[in-house]
Amino acid sequence: MHIADFDFPLPPELIAQEPPVERGRSRLLVLDRTSGAIADRQFYELPELMQRGDLLVVNNTRVFPARLLGRRLPGGGAAECLLLRPLESEGVWEALVHPGQRLKDGSRLEFRGGEHLIHGEVLDRRFHGRRHVRLWVERGNLTDAIDAIGHVPLPPYIKRPDVVTDRERYQTIYAQQRGSIAAPTAGLHFTPRLLAALDAHGVERAEITLHVGYGTFQPVRVEHIEDHRVEEEHYEVSPAAAAAINRARTNGRRVIAVGTTTTRTLESLPVGPGGHVEATTASTDLCVCPGHQFRIVSGLVTNFHLPQSSLLLLVSALGGREKVLAAYRHAIEERYRFYSYGDAMLIL
């Protein structure tokens, strides 16, 4: 299939620049993937759409303030460093730096905020404009300093600087495991009250971890979707989560993934004897595209995604390209809010 088959026009004013005034006050478009029927609901109505015994699987990764703003040394010109992932050497990160052409190997940086000062050195150039950067502090703990002065790495389609409230709103309420540079945004709609209502309705819940990397923002640059490669991302599925998934599957209950990251994780799991999934800590580069045979996931809670993106490919793999694009056209006509801070979709 051609990536152009997954294009659609989106009025820019539908790209949400702010979260809803109140967490969870989002719209929910429900798509029946068998019939293609569409219904307009509210996200707080989710328990009514679930069946007793459904297993809802969420991603408990935590976004850290990965964007450092500072200056080059000597000279003092502005510099920016987006931390992608820590490497094995202490204080060394894979990162994107700006201005890339001026930051050669050996360039020195500093990032200040309040009482915190982070020193940096560009070590070497990697693939796709990435660098290895060494960071250190003279006093205290590097992680604490990053948390204190780092900025929330909002997606590039949010055309504003981050603000203090983004530290809470660009984070799920169940975020625990630090490591992502982007939120698993389908989870942003959940509130304690909604989780309690799901519990009362008999919906079970399990948590996995997948740390969302920069690849989530990368466009598909190939003509044929079969040629697209997704960057590896680290994931972990605990024995408790694997057991919950196996119980649900054995009993014929639905496994509903909250988000594309959860879907990739579940569909990447090794399957052992008897068709049971196994607890795993690994990395995945799985690209879920139309034609993928789903082994675990039978339903999906997700946001609305960019045209010609790997995330839209995944949603189309589950819901069907024509049905999903028809649902997107309906969402645009009905003025749903798109992308990270936007409204949600439920595919069953």
Protein backbone atom coordinates (compact mmCIF):
# COMPACT_ATOMS: atom_id res chain seq x y z
CA MET A 1 0.00 0.00 0.00
CA HIS A 2 1.07 3.59 -0.62
CA ILE A 3 1.53 6.05 2.22
CA ALA A 4 -0.47 8.57 0.17
CA ASP A 5 -3.50 6.35 0.80
CA PHE A 6 -3.37 7.52 4.42
CA ASP A 7 -3.52 11.24 3.76
CA PHE A 8 -6.36 13.56 4.71
CA PRO A 9 -6.83 17.34 4.89
CA LEU A 10 -7.01 18.72 8.42
CA PRO A 11 -7.95 22.32 9.20
CA PRO A 12 -5.11 23.66 11.38
CA GLU A 13 -7.54 25.14 13.89
CA LEU A 14 -8.54 21.59 14.90
CA ILE A 15 -5.04 20.84 16.20
CA ALA A 16 -5.45 21.20 19.97
CA GLN A 17 -2.94 23.66 21.43
CA GLU A 18 -4.12 23.27 25.02
CA PRO A 19 -5.53 20.40 27.05
CA PRO A 20 -9.24 20.49 27.87
CA VAL A 21 -10.08 22.80 30.76
CA GLU A 22 -10.77 19.74 32.91
CA ARG A 23 -9.00 16.41 32.47
CA GLY A 24 -11.34 13.86 30.97
CA ARG A 25 -13.78 16.39 29.51
CA SER A 26 -13.08 15.11 26.02
CA ARG A 27 -15.24 13.80 23.24
CA LEU A 28 -15.09 10.14 22.23
CA LEU A 29 -15.75 8.90 18.71
CA VAL A 30 -16.72 5.21 18.77
CA LEU A 31 -16.01 3.12 15.67
CA ASP A 32 -17.42 -0.37 15.18
CA ARG A 33 -14.66 -2.02 13.16
CA THR A 34 -17.01 -4.70 11.83
CA SER A 35 -19.85 -2.54 10.54
CA GLY A 36 -18.12 0.84 10.30
CA ALA A 37 -20.86 2.43 12.43
CA ILE A 38 -19.83 5.66 14.14
CA ALA A 39 -21.19 7.15 17.37
CA ASP A 40 -20.40 10.45 19.09
CA ARG A 41 -19.98 10.06 22.83
CA GLN A 42 -18.14 11.66 25.76
CA PHE A 43 -15.02 10.08 27.24
CA TYR A 44 -16.58 9.83 30.70
CA GLU A 45 -19.12 7.43 29.15
CA LEU A 46 -16.38 4.86 28.50
CA PRO A 47 -17.58 2.44 31.23
CA GLU A 48 -20.93 2.12 29.44
CA LEU A 49 -19.09 0.95 26.32
CA MET A 50 -17.06 -1.71 28.10
CA GLN A 51 -18.12 -5.26 28.92
CA ARG A 52 -17.70 -6.81 32.34
CA GLY A 53 -14.45 -8.74 32.27
CA ASP A 54 -12.76 -6.61 29.61
CA LEU A 55 -9.06 -6.12 30.27
CA LEU A 56 -7.90 -2.53 29.80
CA VAL A 57 -4.11 -2.33 29.35
CA VAL A 58 -2.39 1.02 29.95
CA ASN A 59 1.16 2.31 29.52
CA ASN A 60 2.56 3.61 32.82
CA THR A 61 5.62 5.34 31.36
CA ARG A 62 6.42 8.79 32.72
CA VAL A 63 7.48 11.78 30.63
CA PHE A 64 10.54 13.59 31.92
CA PRO A 65 11.44 17.25 31.14
CA ALA A 66 13.84 16.29 28.36
CA ARG A 67 14.29 19.68 26.69
CA LEU A 68 17.21 21.71 28.01
CA LEU A 69 17.62 25.36 26.99
CA GLY A 70 20.99 27.00 27.56
CA ARG A 71 24.02 28.51 25.84
CA ARG A 72 27.19 27.60 24.03
CA LEU A 73 30.62 28.15 25.55
CA PRO A 74 32.46 30.33 24.88
CA GLY A 75 30.42 33.07 23.29
CA GLY A 76 27.05 32.50 24.88
CA GLY A 77 24.97 31.76 21.79
CA ALA A 78 21.67 29.97 22.43
CA ALA A 79 21.73 26.19 22.53
CA GLU A 80 19.08 23.52 22.91
CA CYS A 81 19.41 19.86 23.79
CA LEU A 82 16.60 17.30 23.56
CA LEU A 83 17.57 14.26 25.62
CA LEU A 84 16.41 11.08 23.90
CA ARG A 85 17.74 8.27 26.06
CA PRO A 86 20.53 7.65 28.57
CA LEU A 87 23.41 5.44 27.49
CA GLU A 88 25.40 3.00 29.57
CA SER A 89 28.22 5.43 30.34
CA GLU A 90 27.35 7.63 33.32
CA GLY A 91 25.96 11.01 32.29
CA VAL A 92 26.09 10.24 28.56
CA TRP A 93 22.91 10.70 26.53
CA GLU A 94 21.77 10.28 22.96
CA ALA A 95 20.36 13.69 22.11
CA LEU A 96 19.34 16.14 19.42
CA VAL A 97 21.13 19.47 19.66
CA HIS A 98 20.50 22.88 18.14
CA PRO A 99 22.07 24.64 16.31
CA GLY A 100 23.42 21.36 14.97
CA GLN A 101 25.85 22.85 12.45
CA ARG A 102 27.62 24.91 15.11
CA LEU A 103 27.83 22.26 17.78
CA LYS A 104 30.81 20.21 16.68
CA ASP A 105 32.49 17.40 18.59
CA GLY A 106 33.97 18.87 21.77
CA SER A 107 31.57 21.83 21.93
CA ARG A 108 30.77 22.91 25.49
CA LEU A 109 27.33 23.84 26.80
CA GLU A 110 25.73 25.02 29.99
CA PHE A 111 22.14 25.00 31.16
CA ARG A 112 21.11 27.19 34.10
CA GLY A 113 17.93 27.46 36.11
CA GLY A 114 17.64 28.87 39.63
CA GLU A 115 20.30 27.25 41.78
CA HIS A 116 20.97 24.49 39.25
CA LEU A 117 23.74 24.40 36.64
CA ILE A 118 24.22 21.53 34.19
CA HIS A 119 27.44 21.33 32.18
CA GLY A 120 27.47 19.61 28.80
CA GLU A 121 29.91 18.46 26.15
CA VAL A 122 29.11 17.19 22.65
CA LEU A 123 31.05 13.96 22.25
CA ASP A 124 30.35 12.81 18.71
CA ARG A 125 27.90 12.89 15.82
CA ARG A 126 25.57 9.93 15.28
CA PHE A 127 22.97 9.00 12.68
CA HIS A 128 20.03 11.24 11.69
CA GLY A 129 21.60 14.32 13.26
CA ARG A 130 21.88 12.81 16.71
CA ARG A 131 24.75 13.37 19.10
CA HIS A 132 26.22 11.75 22.13
CA VAL A 133 26.30 14.38 24.87
CA ARG A 134 27.90 14.13 28.29
CA LEU A 135 26.14 16.01 31.10
CA TRP A 136 27.34 16.61 34.64
CA VAL A 137 26.72 18.78 37.68
CA GLU A 138 29.23 20.00 40.24
CA ARG A 139 26.76 19.75 43.10
CA GLY A 140 23.82 17.48 43.73
CA ASN A 141 22.23 14.95 41.40
CA LEU A 142 22.02 15.21 37.60
CA THR A 143 18.50 13.75 37.43
CA ASP A 144 17.27 16.26 40.01
CA ALA A 145 18.83 19.09 38.03
CA ILE A 146 17.18 17.94 34.78
CA ASP A 147 13.83 17.71 36.57
CA ALA A 148 14.29 21.21 37.98
CA ILE A 149 15.31 23.12 34.84
CA GLY A 150 14.19 20.92 31.95
CA HIS A 151 11.18 21.80 29.81
CA VAL A 152 8.29 19.53 28.86
CA PRO A 153 9.03 18.23 25.33
CA LEU A 154 5.72 19.17 23.74
CA PRO A 155 5.19 17.89 20.18
CA PRO A 156 6.21 20.21 17.33
CA TYR A 157 2.59 20.76 16.25
CA ILE A 158 1.84 22.49 19.57
CA LYS A 159 2.92 25.98 18.60
CA ARG A 160 3.59 27.49 22.00
CA PRO A 161 6.20 27.28 24.76
CA ASP A 162 5.57 24.80 27.54
CA VAL A 163 4.11 26.16 30.77
CA VAL A 164 4.10 24.90 34.35
CA THR A 165 0.71 23.20 33.98
CA ASP A 166 2.03 21.02 31.14
CA ARG A 167 4.09 19.12 33.71
CA GLU A 168 0.83 17.76 35.08
CA ARG A 169 -1.44 17.75 32.02
CA TYR A 170 1.09 16.16 29.61
CA GLN A 171 1.28 13.18 31.96
CA THR A 172 -1.15 10.35 32.69
CA ILE A 173 -2.44 10.04 36.25
CA TYR A 174 -0.92 6.54 36.48
CA ALA A 175 2.53 7.47 35.12
CA GLN A 176 5.24 5.76 37.17
CA GLN A 177 8.25 4.65 35.13
CA ARG A 178 10.38 7.61 34.05
CA GLY A 179 11.76 7.44 30.53
CA SER A 180 9.54 8.95 27.79
CA ILE A 181 10.00 12.12 25.77
CA ALA A 182 6.35 12.02 24.67
CA ALA A 183 3.21 11.10 26.55
CA PRO A 184 1.11 8.05 25.68
CA THR A 185 -1.64 10.52 24.92
CA ALA A 186 -4.65 8.19 24.88
CA GLY A 187 -4.13 7.88 28.62
CA LEU A 188 -4.38 11.62 29.25
CA HIS A 189 -8.18 11.40 29.35
CA PHE A 190 -8.37 9.09 32.37
CA THR A 191 -9.22 10.47 35.81
CA PRO A 192 -9.36 8.77 39.23
CA ARG A 193 -13.15 8.98 39.07
CA LEU A 194 -13.27 7.29 35.66
CA LEU A 195 -10.90 4.51 36.74
CA ALA A 196 -13.12 3.90 39.78
CA ALA A 197 -16.18 3.72 37.52
CA LEU A 198 -14.43 1.19 35.28
CA ASP A 199 -13.52 -0.88 38.33
CA ALA A 200 -17.13 -0.80 39.50
CA HIS A 201 -18.25 -1.91 36.05
CA GLY A 202 -16.05 -5.01 36.30
CA VAL A 203 -13.36 -3.88 33.87
CA GLU A 204 -9.95 -5.23 34.82
CA ARG A 205 -6.77 -3.24 34.33
CA ALA A 206 -3.12 -4.11 33.71
CA GLU A 207 -0.07 -1.90 33.27
CA ILE A 208 2.83 -2.26 30.86
CA THR A 209 5.73 0.12 30.22
CA LEU A 210 6.96 1.38 26.86
CA HIS A 211 9.20 4.44 26.83
CA VAL A 212 8.11 6.67 23.96
CA GLY A 213 11.04 7.92 21.88
CA TYR A 214 11.57 10.53 19.19
CA GLY A 215 10.43 8.10 16.51
CA THR A 216 6.82 8.81 17.47
CA PHE A 217 7.24 12.24 15.81
CA GLN A 218 9.03 10.94 12.72
CA PRO A 219 7.06 11.00 9.46
CA VAL A 220 6.87 8.01 7.15
CA ARG A 221 9.38 8.88 4.41
CA VAL A 222 8.87 5.89 2.11
CA GLU A 223 6.30 5.50 -0.63
CA HIS A 224 5.34 1.93 0.22
CA ILE A 225 4.33 1.38 3.84
CA GLU A 226 5.88 -2.08 3.83
CA ASP A 227 9.29 -0.40 3.59
CA HIS A 228 8.82 1.78 6.67
CA ARG A 229 11.01 1.09 9.68
CA VAL A 230 10.04 2.14 13.21
CA GLU A 231 12.71 3.08 15.74
CA GLU A 232 13.28 0.65 18.56
CA GLU A 233 11.61 1.48 21.86
CA HIS A 234 12.20 -0.22 25.21
CA TYR A 235 9.29 -2.01 26.85
CA GLU A 236 8.59 -4.12 29.90
CA VAL A 237 5.69 -6.45 30.67
CA SER A 238 5.67 -7.75 34.24
CA PRO A 239 4.66 -11.28 35.27
CA ALA A 240 1.46 -9.83 36.78
CA ALA A 241 0.54 -8.09 33.52
CA ALA A 242 1.33 -11.19 31.46
CA ALA A 243 -0.83 -13.30 33.79
CA ALA A 244 -3.75 -10.86 33.46
CA ILE A 245 -3.47 -10.95 29.66
CA ASN A 246 -3.36 -14.75 29.62
CA ARG A 247 -6.39 -15.03 31.91
CA ALA A 248 -8.39 -12.72 29.69
CA ARG A 249 -7.47 -14.57 26.52
CA THR A 250 -8.09 -18.00 28.04
CA ASN A 251 -11.55 -16.89 29.15
CA GLY A 252 -12.41 -15.29 25.82
CA ARG A 253 -12.46 -11.76 27.20
CA ARG A 254 -11.48 -8.67 25.22
CA VAL A 255 -8.08 -7.04 25.61
CA ILE A 256 -8.46 -3.29 25.06
CA ALA A 257 -5.22 -1.37 24.55
CA VAL A 258 -5.05 2.24 25.71
CA GLY A 259 -2.91 3.85 23.05
CA THR A 260 -0.71 2.90 20.14
CA THR A 261 2.29 2.37 22.42
CA THR A 262 0.41 -0.25 24.42
CA THR A 263 -0.71 -1.88 21.18
CA ARG A 264 2.85 -2.13 19.86
CA THR A 265 3.97 -3.62 23.16
CA LEU A 266 1.24 -6.24 23.30
CA GLU A 267 1.66 -7.24 19.68
CA SER A 268 5.44 -7.54 20.19
CA LEU A 269 5.17 -10.00 23.07
CA PRO A 270 6.63 -13.46 22.54
CA VAL A 271 4.03 -16.21 22.69
CA GLY A 272 5.03 -19.40 24.46
CA PRO A 273 3.55 -22.90 24.64
CA GLY A 274 -0.23 -22.97 24.72
CA GLY A 275 -0.44 -19.50 23.20
CA HIS A 276 0.41 -17.74 26.46
CA VAL A 277 2.38 -14.50 26.43
CA GLU A 278 5.46 -14.26 28.58
CA ALA A 279 6.72 -11.53 30.91
CA THR A 280 9.36 -9.68 28.92
CA THR A 281 11.87 -6.84 29.05
CA ALA A 282 13.02 -6.05 25.52
CA SER A 283 12.94 -3.53 22.67
CA THR A 284 10.57 -3.50 19.73
CA ASP A 285 10.76 -2.08 16.23
CA LEU A 286 7.43 -3.57 15.20
CA CYS A 287 5.54 -1.52 12.63
CA VAL A 288 1.84 -2.37 12.90
CA CYS A 289 0.45 -1.70 9.43
CA PRO A 290 -2.65 -2.82 7.52
CA GLY A 291 -2.34 -6.55 6.99
CA HIS A 292 -1.04 -7.15 10.51
CA GLN A 293 -2.71 -10.12 12.16
CA PHE A 294 -3.57 -9.04 15.69
CA ARG A 295 -2.75 -11.72 18.25
CA ILE A 296 -3.59 -9.94 21.51
CA VAL A 297 -5.43 -6.66 20.98
CA SER A 298 -9.15 -6.69 20.22
CA GLY A 299 -9.96 -3.04 20.89
CA LEU A 300 -8.20 0.32 21.10
CA VAL A 301 -8.56 3.66 22.86
CA THR A 302 -6.54 6.25 20.94
CA ASN A 303 -6.32 9.90 19.98
CA PHE A 304 -6.55 11.26 16.43
CA HIS A 305 -3.24 11.08 14.58
CA LEU A 306 -1.30 12.90 11.88
CA PRO A 307 -1.86 12.14 8.20
CA GLN A 308 0.61 9.66 6.71
CA SER A 309 1.99 8.72 10.14
CA SER A 310 2.96 5.33 11.53
CA LEU A 311 0.34 5.85 14.25
CA LEU A 312 -2.42 6.23 11.67
CA LEU A 313 -1.14 3.06 9.99
CA LEU A 314 -1.53 1.20 13.28
CA VAL A 315 -5.06 2.48 13.86
CA SER A 316 -5.97 1.56 10.28
CA ALA A 317 -4.55 -1.93 10.77
CA LEU A 318 -7.11 -2.53 13.53
CA GLY A 319 -10.08 -0.53 12.28
CA GLY A 320 -9.62 -0.85 8.53
CA ARG A 321 -8.28 1.99 6.37
CA GLU A 322 -11.58 2.98 4.77
CA LYS A 323 -13.52 2.84 8.03
CA VAL A 324 -10.87 4.81 9.94
CA LEU A 325 -10.58 7.51 7.28
CA ALA A 326 -14.39 7.77 7.18
CA ALA A 327 -14.35 8.20 10.96
CA TYR A 328 -11.68 10.91 10.60
CA ARG A 329 -13.79 12.74 8.03
CA HIS A 330 -16.71 12.60 10.45
CA ALA A 331 -14.49 13.89 13.27
CA ILE A 332 -13.38 16.83 11.13
CA GLU A 333 -16.96 17.65 10.14
CA GLU A 334 -17.99 17.53 13.81
CA ARG A 335 -15.00 19.66 14.88
CA TYR A 336 -13.26 17.13 17.09
CA ARG A 337 -9.90 18.25 18.48
CA PHE A 338 -6.89 16.44 17.06
CA TYR A 339 -3.53 15.12 18.27
CA SER A 340 -1.94 14.98 21.73
CA TYR A 341 -4.21 17.34 23.65
CA GLY A 342 -7.24 16.50 21.51
CA ASP A 343 -10.23 14.18 21.71
CA ALA A 344 -10.27 10.39 21.66
CA MET A 345 -11.47 7.47 19.61
CA LEU A 346 -12.59 3.98 20.66
CA ILE A 347 -12.33 1.13 18.15
CA LEU A 348 -14.20 -2.06 19.06
